[in-house]
Structure formats: C-alpha cells, structure tokens
Protein backbone atom coordinates (compact mmCIF):
# COMPACT_ATOMS: atom_id res chain seq x y z
CA MET A 1 72.09 94.63 -49.89
CA MET A 2 70.91 96.79 -52.69
CA PRO A 3 67.12 96.56 -53.21
CA PHE A 4 67.57 96.50 -57.00
CA HIS A 5 69.80 94.75 -59.45
CA SER A 6 71.13 96.09 -62.78
CA GLY A 7 68.26 94.99 -64.90
CA GLU A 8 65.60 96.56 -62.70
CA ILE A 9 67.72 99.84 -62.52
CA ALA A 10 68.07 99.71 -66.30
CA VAL A 11 64.17 99.49 -66.68
CA GLN A 12 63.55 102.17 -64.06
CA THR A 13 65.93 104.44 -65.71
CA ARG A 14 64.46 103.94 -69.25
CA ALA A 15 60.94 104.35 -67.87
CA GLY A 16 62.04 107.66 -66.18
CA VAL A 17 61.12 106.55 -62.59
CA ARG A 18 64.60 105.91 -61.23
CA GLU A 19 64.27 108.34 -58.12
CA ASP A 20 60.62 107.05 -57.39
CA ALA A 21 61.72 103.43 -57.41
CA GLU A 22 64.49 104.10 -54.88
CA ARG A 23 62.16 105.87 -52.44
CA ILE A 24 59.44 103.08 -52.95
CA GLY A 25 62.13 100.26 -52.62
CA GLN A 26 62.68 101.21 -49.10
CA VAL A 27 59.78 98.98 -48.30
CA ILE A 28 61.81 95.80 -49.33
CA CYS A 29 63.47 94.02 -46.21
CA ASN A 30 64.76 90.56 -45.58
CA THR A 31 62.42 89.91 -42.55
CA VAL A 32 58.88 88.93 -41.96
CA LYS A 33 57.41 92.08 -40.19
CA PRO A 34 54.35 91.92 -37.93
CA ALA A 35 51.96 92.80 -40.55
CA ALA A 36 53.11 90.21 -42.75
CA LEU A 37 52.94 87.50 -40.03
CA SER A 38 49.25 88.22 -39.29
CA PHE A 39 48.56 88.09 -43.00
CA LEU A 40 50.35 84.86 -43.69
CA GLY A 41 48.40 82.95 -40.85
CA THR A 42 45.13 83.13 -42.79
CA GLN A 43 46.13 82.42 -46.23
CA GLN A 44 45.37 79.54 -48.38
CA MET A 45 47.10 80.32 -51.84
CA ALA A 46 50.46 81.28 -53.00
CA ILE A 47 52.13 81.26 -56.53
CA ALA A 48 55.76 79.93 -56.67
CA SER A 49 58.42 80.74 -59.09
CA THR A 50 60.95 78.06 -59.72
CA ILE A 51 63.79 77.33 -62.17
CA ALA A 52 64.29 74.16 -64.11
CA SER A 53 67.50 72.50 -64.70
CA ASN A 54 67.43 73.62 -68.36
CA GLY A 55 66.87 77.15 -67.39
CA THR A 56 63.15 77.49 -68.03
CA ILE A 57 61.15 79.33 -65.47
CA TRP A 58 57.78 78.02 -64.20
CA ALA A 59 54.90 79.49 -62.10
CA SER A 60 53.13 77.01 -60.02
CA LEU A 61 49.84 76.97 -57.77
CA LEU A 62 50.48 76.25 -53.88
CA THR A 63 47.26 75.67 -51.71
CA GLY A 64 46.60 74.45 -48.38
CA SER A 65 44.53 75.17 -45.29
CA PRO A 66 44.78 78.56 -43.39
CA GLY A 67 48.11 78.67 -41.93
CA PHE A 68 49.83 76.48 -44.47
CA ILE A 69 52.51 78.95 -44.54
CA GLN A 70 53.96 79.19 -41.12
CA VAL A 71 56.67 81.77 -40.09
CA LEU A 72 59.25 80.09 -37.90
CA ASN A 73 61.30 83.20 -37.30
CA ASP A 74 61.70 86.70 -38.86
CA GLN A 75 63.75 85.14 -41.78
CA ILE A 76 62.40 81.52 -42.20
CA ILE A 77 58.96 80.42 -43.33
CA GLN A 78 57.70 76.84 -43.78
CA ILE A 79 55.12 75.80 -46.32
CA GLN A 80 52.98 72.74 -45.88
CA HIS A 81 50.99 72.60 -48.98
CA THR A 82 48.44 70.31 -50.53
CA SER A 83 49.16 70.78 -54.02
CA ASN A 84 49.80 68.29 -56.83
CA TYR A 85 53.05 66.56 -55.99
CA ILE A 86 53.86 65.88 -59.72
CA ASP A 87 54.04 69.64 -60.28
CA ILE A 88 57.32 70.54 -61.99
CA LEU A 89 58.11 72.89 -58.93
CA HIS A 90 59.37 69.81 -57.06
CA GLN A 91 61.97 68.66 -59.49
CA ASN A 92 62.90 72.23 -59.92
CA LEU A 93 63.71 72.77 -56.29
CA GLU A 94 65.69 69.63 -56.07
CA LYS A 95 68.17 71.18 -58.59
CA ASN A 96 67.85 74.91 -57.93
CA SER A 97 67.08 76.45 -54.49
CA ALA A 98 65.78 79.63 -55.79
CA ILE A 99 62.12 80.47 -55.17
CA GLY A 100 59.85 83.44 -55.49
CA LEU A 101 56.51 83.39 -53.70
CA LEU A 102 53.52 85.48 -54.09
CA VAL A 103 51.09 85.14 -51.36
CA ILE A 104 47.84 86.54 -52.55
CA ASP A 105 44.23 87.12 -50.84
CA LEU A 106 41.89 87.70 -53.70
CA SER A 107 39.08 88.66 -51.26
CA ASN A 108 40.65 91.82 -50.08
CA ARG A 109 43.35 92.44 -52.77
CA LYS A 110 46.27 92.06 -50.65
CA ARG A 111 49.42 90.53 -51.78
CA LEU A 112 52.77 89.78 -50.35
CA ARG A 113 56.15 88.94 -52.13
CA LEU A 114 58.50 86.73 -50.35
CA ASN A 115 61.79 85.90 -52.36
CA GLY A 116 64.46 83.69 -51.20
CA ASN A 117 66.22 80.22 -51.17
CA ILE A 118 65.11 76.78 -50.16
CA LYS A 119 66.63 75.87 -46.53
CA MET A 120 65.11 72.51 -46.27
CA TYR A 121 62.94 70.52 -48.77
CA GLN A 122 60.64 67.71 -48.56
CA SER A 123 57.83 66.56 -50.88
CA GLU A 124 54.96 68.15 -49.14
CA MET A 125 56.71 70.67 -46.98
CA PHE A 126 59.70 72.93 -47.29
CA GLN A 127 61.40 75.96 -45.78
CA VAL A 128 62.66 79.24 -47.33
CA LYS A 129 65.13 81.64 -46.07
CA ILE A 130 63.91 85.12 -46.96
CA GLN A 131 65.94 87.56 -48.94
CA GLN A 132 63.12 90.01 -50.07
CA ALA A 133 59.63 90.52 -48.37
CA PHE A 134 57.28 93.38 -49.14
CA PHE A 135 53.70 94.00 -49.80
CA ASN A 136 52.28 95.11 -53.26
CA CYS A 137 49.53 97.46 -54.06
CA PRO A 138 46.20 96.12 -54.80
CA LYS A 139 45.83 97.26 -58.46
CA TYR A 140 44.34 95.10 -61.11
CA ILE A 141 43.34 92.40 -58.69
CA GLN A 142 39.73 91.12 -59.25
CA THR A 143 38.01 90.08 -56.10
CA ARG A 144 37.20 86.53 -55.52
CA TYR A 145 35.95 84.68 -52.65
CA LEU A 146 36.82 81.26 -51.42
CA GLU A 147 33.88 78.78 -51.48
CA THR A 148 33.32 77.50 -47.98
CA SER A 149 32.12 74.16 -48.89
CA ALA A 150 35.15 71.72 -49.48
CA ILE A 151 35.12 69.16 -52.11
CA ALA A 152 35.41 65.84 -50.17
CA GLU A 153 36.57 63.82 -53.19
CA LEU A 154 38.32 65.15 -56.08
CA PRO A 155 39.21 62.96 -59.15
CA PRO A 156 43.03 62.66 -59.42
CA PRO A 157 44.80 65.33 -61.22
CA GLU A 158 45.16 64.96 -65.20
CA ILE A 159 48.16 66.37 -66.67
CA HIS A 160 48.28 67.17 -70.27
CA GLN A 161 51.64 68.51 -71.99
CA ARG A 162 52.17 70.02 -75.23
CA ASN A 163 54.28 72.42 -77.21
CA THR A 164 51.75 74.89 -78.36
CA LEU A 165 48.43 76.08 -77.29
CA ASN A 166 45.31 74.26 -78.42
CA SER A 167 41.77 75.84 -79.17
CA ALA A 168 40.51 75.20 -75.55
CA ASP A 169 43.68 76.97 -74.19
CA GLU A 170 43.07 79.85 -76.41
CA SER A 171 39.52 80.18 -75.26
CA TRP A 172 40.73 79.96 -71.58
CA ILE A 173 43.47 82.55 -72.17
CA ASN A 174 41.04 85.06 -74.10
CA GLN A 175 38.49 84.90 -71.10
CA ALA A 176 41.04 85.39 -68.47
CA ASP A 177 41.16 88.45 -66.28
CA THR A 178 44.11 87.34 -64.15
CA PHE A 179 47.27 85.42 -64.58
CA PHE A 180 50.57 85.11 -62.79
CA ILE A 181 54.15 85.53 -64.12
CA ALA A 182 57.36 84.03 -62.99
CA THR A 183 60.88 85.53 -63.81
CA ALA A 184 64.30 85.12 -62.29
CA ASN A 185 67.74 86.86 -62.57
CA SER A 186 71.12 85.67 -61.59
CA THR A 187 71.54 88.16 -58.66
CA GLN A 188 68.45 87.90 -56.69
CA GLY A 189 66.82 84.74 -57.59
CA ALA A 190 63.24 83.89 -58.57
CA ASP A 191 60.31 86.19 -58.38
CA ALA A 192 56.43 85.74 -58.81
CA SER A 193 54.01 88.48 -59.68
CA HIS A 194 50.31 89.11 -60.50
CA ARG A 195 48.72 90.60 -63.71
CA GLY A 196 45.08 91.53 -64.13
CA GLY A 197 42.80 93.30 -66.47
CA TYR A 198 39.42 92.88 -68.15
CA PRO A 199 38.86 89.64 -69.99
CA GLY A 200 40.68 90.09 -73.36
CA PHE A 201 43.51 91.97 -71.97
CA VAL A 202 45.82 89.03 -73.03
CA GLN A 203 45.89 88.52 -76.77
CA VAL A 204 46.61 85.10 -78.28
CA ILE A 205 48.52 86.12 -81.48
CA ASN A 206 48.76 82.31 -82.48
CA PHE A 207 49.14 79.08 -80.79
CA GLN A 208 52.62 79.91 -79.81
CA THR A 209 52.50 83.51 -79.09
CA LEU A 210 50.80 85.75 -76.47
CA LEU A 211 50.84 89.61 -76.27
CA PHE A 212 49.77 91.33 -72.97
CA PRO A 213 49.89 95.10 -71.69
CA ASP A 214 52.28 96.36 -68.88
CA TYR A 215 50.03 98.71 -66.88
CA ALA A 216 51.33 101.39 -64.35
CA GLY A 217 52.50 99.75 -61.16
CA ASN A 218 54.80 100.50 -58.34
CA ASN A 219 57.60 101.65 -60.49
CA MET A 220 60.18 99.10 -59.02
CA PHE A 221 59.90 96.76 -62.09
CA GLN A 222 60.93 93.58 -60.54
CA THR A 223 59.40 91.56 -63.35
CA LEU A 224 60.55 93.82 -66.15
CA GLY A 225 63.92 94.09 -64.53
CA ASN A 226 64.31 90.35 -64.44
CA LEU A 227 63.19 90.03 -68.16
CA ALA A 228 65.86 92.61 -69.04
CA GLN A 229 68.31 90.28 -67.72
CA ASN A 230 66.85 86.88 -68.48
CA SER A 231 64.07 86.52 -71.10
CA GLN A 232 62.84 83.03 -69.76
CA ALA A 233 59.54 83.42 -67.82
CA GLY A 234 56.68 81.20 -66.79
CA LEU A 235 52.79 81.98 -66.92
CA LEU A 236 50.09 80.63 -64.76
CA PHE A 237 46.42 80.69 -65.62
CA ILE A 238 43.92 79.41 -62.98
CA ASP A 239 40.40 78.36 -63.56
CA PHE A 240 39.07 79.55 -60.21
CA GLU A 241 35.68 77.93 -60.71
CA GLN A 242 36.83 74.52 -61.76
CA GLY A 243 40.37 74.18 -59.91
CA HIS A 244 42.19 73.70 -62.99
CA THR A 245 45.60 75.30 -63.89
CA LEU A 246 47.37 76.16 -67.25
CA GLN A 247 51.24 76.65 -67.04
CA LEU A 248 53.18 78.08 -69.76
CA THR A 249 56.98 78.49 -70.12
CA GLY A 250 58.80 80.52 -72.62
CA GLU A 251 60.57 83.70 -73.48
CA ALA A 252 59.33 87.07 -72.96
CA VAL A 253 60.34 90.34 -74.67
CA ILE A 254 59.55 93.92 -73.72
CA LEU A 255 58.18 95.95 -76.56
CA TRP A 256 58.79 99.57 -75.43
CA ASN A 257 57.85 101.25 -78.74
CA THR A 258 55.27 99.57 -80.84
CA GLU A 259 52.32 100.61 -82.94
CA LEU A 260 50.32 97.94 -81.26
CA LEU A 261 50.46 99.98 -77.93
CA SER A 262 47.35 101.97 -79.11
CA THR A 263 45.26 98.80 -79.21
CA PHE A 264 45.88 98.42 -75.43
CA PRO A 265 44.46 101.54 -73.66
CA GLY A 266 46.53 102.27 -70.55
CA ALA A 267 49.42 100.15 -71.41
CA GLN A 268 52.89 101.82 -71.00
CA ARG A 269 54.66 98.76 -72.70
CA LEU A 270 53.78 95.45 -74.22
CA ILE A 271 55.15 92.01 -73.49
CA LYS A 272 55.53 89.54 -76.25
CA PHE A 273 55.56 85.90 -74.88
CA ALA A 274 56.81 82.92 -76.96
CA ILE A 275 55.48 79.75 -75.68
CA ASN A 276 57.95 76.71 -75.67
CA ARG A 277 55.91 74.39 -73.35
CA VAL A 278 52.29 74.07 -72.05
CA VAL A 279 51.15 71.95 -68.88
CA GLU A 280 47.43 71.79 -68.36
CA THR A 281 46.55 70.27 -65.07
CA ARG A 282 42.90 69.39 -64.43
CA ASN A 283 41.87 69.07 -60.76
CA ALA A 284 45.01 70.89 -59.67
CA THR A 285 43.35 72.01 -56.45
CA THR A 286 40.39 71.40 -54.25
CA LEU A 287 39.87 75.20 -53.71
CA ARG A 288 37.08 76.97 -55.52
CA TRP A 289 36.50 80.75 -55.87
CA GLN A 290 33.40 82.76 -56.61
CA PHE A 291 33.88 86.06 -58.68
CA GLY A 292 33.28 89.21 -56.94
CA GLU A 293 34.09 92.20 -58.80
CA TYR A 294 36.64 93.58 -61.41
CA SER A 295 39.36 96.06 -60.01
CA PRO A 296 38.49 99.74 -60.56
CA ALA A 297 41.98 100.22 -61.74
CA ASN A 298 41.68 97.96 -64.97
CA PRO A 299 41.77 100.05 -67.98
CA ALA A 300 38.97 99.82 -70.49
CA LEU A 301 39.48 97.69 -73.52
CA PRO A 302 38.44 98.31 -77.08
CA GLU A 303 34.81 97.07 -77.64
CA SER A 304 36.18 94.48 -80.05
CA ARG A 305 38.06 92.81 -77.39
CA SER A 306 35.95 93.45 -74.40
CA LYS A 307 33.60 90.82 -72.63
CA LYS A 308 30.17 91.52 -73.62
CA ASP A 309 28.68 91.05 -70.11
CA LEU A 310 31.05 93.44 -68.33
C-alpha cells in the first residue's frame, strides 16, 4: 500500500518536500512494532478521530488506566476506556468504522499515530485493525505530568451544545497552548494529530471562526493532505487542570499565501477554521495534568498576542 494518498502528495509537492516525504514516509507500517508495544502499555490518554453519519468529523478524548490500550497481535489493538459514554464518538463508530488514534504521553513528548478500522465495537471497549502505525516527532508538545492522586468522586459530565463559541470558549481558546485536530479522507480513513504553540497561537477571529498556524513538521502532511481532499475537520481543546473538554466541528481551509502570515512568526501556512458545532463537556475525565514547560520548538508570538507570564 502506498504510504500517501493524492491529497498528501499534492500538498507535499506544493510545499516542495515531495522527496523528503517519501523518505520519511518509510516509517509508516501496518503493524505494531516492539517499541510501540512497550509505549502503549503505560499510556492513559488517546485522541480519537471519527466520522459522523452527516460527514462531520470529531476529535474525542479517550482515557483509562495504564494499559487501557492493549495489543492483541501486531495488527489488532483493544481499547478499554473510561471516557464519557455519551461522547459523539460512540454513535459515529456505530455508523462508520474508520478511526484515527493519537496516543500521546505529554510527560516525555512521545506520540504514536494508529489509524485503522473498527473490528469489534462495544460501548466501553472496541478493537481496531491497524492500517497505519508510526511515531511522530516531539515538536510543539508542552510537557505536562499526570497528577498521582486520583479523584474518587467526580460529578457527572455536563454537556453543553451550541452552534457558535461563547465568550468563555473564546477565553479558553485564547489561553490554549495545545489542541488536537481530526481529519479524514476517502482513501485511508480518519486521522488524529496534535498542534501546539505558545498561548495565543490560535486566534479567535469571531465566534464562528478560528485562525491558526501550520508550523514546520515532518513533511508528510497527513492533516493538510486530508484537508486538501476533505475540508471537514474536528478540533479538541482540553482543560488539563479541570478535566473539561471543548470539541469543535467545522470546515478548514489552507491559506497558502496571505498577508496574515506575517502575524504568525514561524508559520509556513495558516488554517482558517469555520465552526459549525460546539460541544463543551465539563468533568469529561478524572485525569488531571500539571504543567511542566513549553516546547523549545514553539515559535515566539508578537508581544500583543503573547501570554504575559511566559
């Protein structure tokens, strides 16, 4: 199987990194290697990308105890999660078997992509047959450490749905240094990826529009390649201190040449995201993270958009 579909190849070509992408793309395989096996056994967090029956794409948080992702064989993984059952992920997987997974350890900046299809599904456990597996570089990941003291009793999740951001959402996004993006394509299914920068790297243009940079990465362009074929995307923001989540679904457009690039130092392109739906879930997880340090790879922001206490 070719590692890249036509959308990825088109973006790689336009960015002038086609040969580099082919070389780096050799890391993509369809099996779970020993290094990935040992990594998965200790993880407690993953981001899932799923596709709704109406074609919208959602990014969801999955959490569990260490080992909640189990490798059954070199192509099948099983996820026994403790995440909110009413997350849209569940109804999506009942209609569309495609799933993209990003398993990420914020404490050591390691992340593993696992893309495939649901082989068996139950409400709190499902199995995935892997089509793509590969580690990503640690760029732009801020270190965070899981709190060791568990929260014994958590209030039930509170779900608030709306069509646009409110002022609290805007404040949340303006302070965010991390979010996750879900995309998909008709050839290779769903994919979940990470984005990071200093607080303020995501701009709220208005209550229905975001603008964020595309910094230099591994040159494979899975996310942008998907967007070149399918503009639907989902974003996930996590309140790491309180355990809340903010899910956005909408349409993303790649801005290759825009005067706004100068306001995002280090950006090679910009992504404009039009919001169609917002789901805020309070008490989405019992896990809590303590902030460590910003990634040394984060490009500096203009003073007007930088967090004052950096």
